[in-house]
Amino acid sequence: MNEIFPTKVRGRAVAIATITIWVCQAFLNQFFPMLREIIPVGAIFIFFALILVPQIFFVLKVMPETKGMSLEEIEQHWKAQSNEEEQSELGSAKA
């Protein structure tokens, strides 16, 4: 997983991602057996699938296509986008 993060923040980002995954898995493993006694299994899976629907829109709208790009090119893409946002914020603050 560490190859998806820029070198500058890689250690911290991997730690945060790992903790998030562990907490979500603990939550799921804790509550799935309880939910299974209350609701049919199919409904539980539909519920979890509905939780992931916003992720589809996030990936389609926010995440850039990185196929065939090196890590350095991806990092430059994000830096350029960040600089554009800063410039637009400065422009709107002056107005």
Protein backbone atom coordinates (compact mmCIF):
# COMPACT_ATOMS: atom_id res chain seq x y z
CA MET A 1 0.00 0.00 0.00
CA ASN A 2 2.88 2.39 0.62
CA GLU A 3 3.56 2.95 -3.07
CA ILE A 4 0.39 5.02 -3.44
CA PHE A 5 1.62 7.76 -1.10
CA PRO A 6 4.19 10.46 -1.84
CA THR A 7 7.60 9.85 -0.31
CA LYS A 8 7.38 12.95 1.87
CA VAL A 9 4.36 11.69 3.85
CA ARG A 10 4.57 7.96 3.21
CA GLY A 11 5.24 6.76 6.77
CA ARG A 12 2.49 8.80 8.40
CA ALA A 13 0.00 8.09 5.60
CA VAL A 14 0.56 4.32 5.74
CA ALA A 15 0.13 4.40 9.53
CA ILE A 16 -3.16 6.29 9.24
CA ALA A 17 -4.42 4.00 6.48
CA THR A 18 -3.48 0.89 8.46
CA ILE A 19 -5.19 2.11 11.63
CA THR A 20 -8.30 3.01 9.63
CA ILE A 21 -8.46 -0.45 8.07
CA TRP A 22 -7.99 -2.17 11.44
CA VAL A 23 -10.68 -0.05 13.13
CA CYS A 24 -13.15 -0.66 10.31
CA GLN A 25 -12.48 -4.39 10.37
CA ALA A 26 -12.91 -4.47 14.16
CA PHE A 27 -16.21 -2.61 13.80
CA LEU A 28 -17.44 -4.96 11.09
CA ASN A 29 -16.36 -8.10 12.96
CA GLN A 30 -17.97 -6.86 16.17
CA PHE A 31 -21.35 -5.92 14.76
CA PHE A 32 -21.93 -8.39 11.92
CA PRO A 33 -22.89 -11.33 14.21
CA MET A 34 -25.30 -9.10 16.16
CA LEU A 35 -26.85 -7.73 13.00
CA ARG A 36 -27.18 -11.24 11.56
CA GLU A 37 -29.47 -12.18 14.47
CA ILE A 38 -31.71 -9.15 13.88
CA ILE A 39 -31.76 -8.68 10.10
CA PRO A 40 -31.45 -11.16 7.21
CA VAL A 41 -27.91 -11.56 5.86
CA GLY A 42 -28.88 -10.23 2.43
CA ALA A 43 -30.13 -6.98 3.95
CA ILE A 44 -26.85 -6.56 5.83
CA PHE A 45 -24.84 -6.90 2.65
CA ILE A 46 -27.13 -4.44 0.86
CA PHE A 47 -26.63 -2.00 3.76
CA PHE A 48 -22.84 -2.26 3.49
CA ALA A 49 -23.05 -1.93 -0.30
CA LEU A 50 -25.09 1.27 0.06
CA ILE A 51 -22.43 2.67 2.39
CA LEU A 52 -19.91 2.24 -0.44
CA VAL A 53 -22.00 4.01 -3.11
CA PRO A 54 -20.58 7.47 -2.24
CA GLN A 55 -17.10 6.03 -2.71
CA ILE A 56 -17.92 5.27 -6.35
CA PHE A 57 -18.82 8.91 -6.97
CA PHE A 58 -15.72 10.08 -5.08
CA VAL A 59 -13.46 7.92 -7.22
CA LEU A 60 -15.13 8.97 -10.47
CA LYS A 61 -15.18 12.71 -9.70
CA VAL A 62 -12.10 13.35 -7.53
CA MET A 63 -9.47 10.71 -8.23
CA PRO A 64 -7.43 11.22 -11.40
CA GLU A 65 -6.59 8.43 -13.84
CA THR A 66 -3.02 7.32 -13.08
CA LYS A 67 -2.61 4.46 -15.52
CA GLY A 68 0.83 4.63 -17.10
CA MET A 69 2.01 7.48 -14.84
CA SER A 70 5.04 7.29 -12.57
CA LEU A 71 4.77 8.24 -8.89
CA GLU A 72 6.62 11.46 -9.61
CA GLU A 73 4.15 12.40 -12.35
CA ILE A 74 1.21 11.72 -10.04
CA GLU A 75 2.80 13.85 -7.32
CA GLN A 76 3.35 16.69 -9.80
CA HIS A 77 -0.31 16.44 -10.84
CA TRP A 78 -1.47 16.88 -7.24
CA LYS A 79 0.98 19.73 -6.61
CA ALA A 80 -0.21 21.55 -9.73
CA GLN A 81 -3.83 21.12 -8.71
CA SER A 82 -3.06 22.33 -5.18
CA ASN A 83 -1.28 25.43 -6.57
CA GLU A 84 -4.27 26.21 -8.81
CA GLU A 85 -6.62 26.01 -5.82
CA GLU A 86 -4.38 28.31 -3.76
CA GLN A 87 -4.26 30.84 -6.59
CA SER A 88 -8.04 30.83 -6.96
CA GLU A 89 -8.47 31.29 -3.19
CA LEU A 90 -6.06 34.23 -3.20
CA GLY A 91 -7.88 35.76 -6.14
CA SER A 92 -11.27 35.47 -4.45
CA ALA A 93 -9.90 36.85 -1.17
CA LYS A 94 -8.63 40.00 -2.93
CA ALA A 95 -11.96 40.64 -4.62
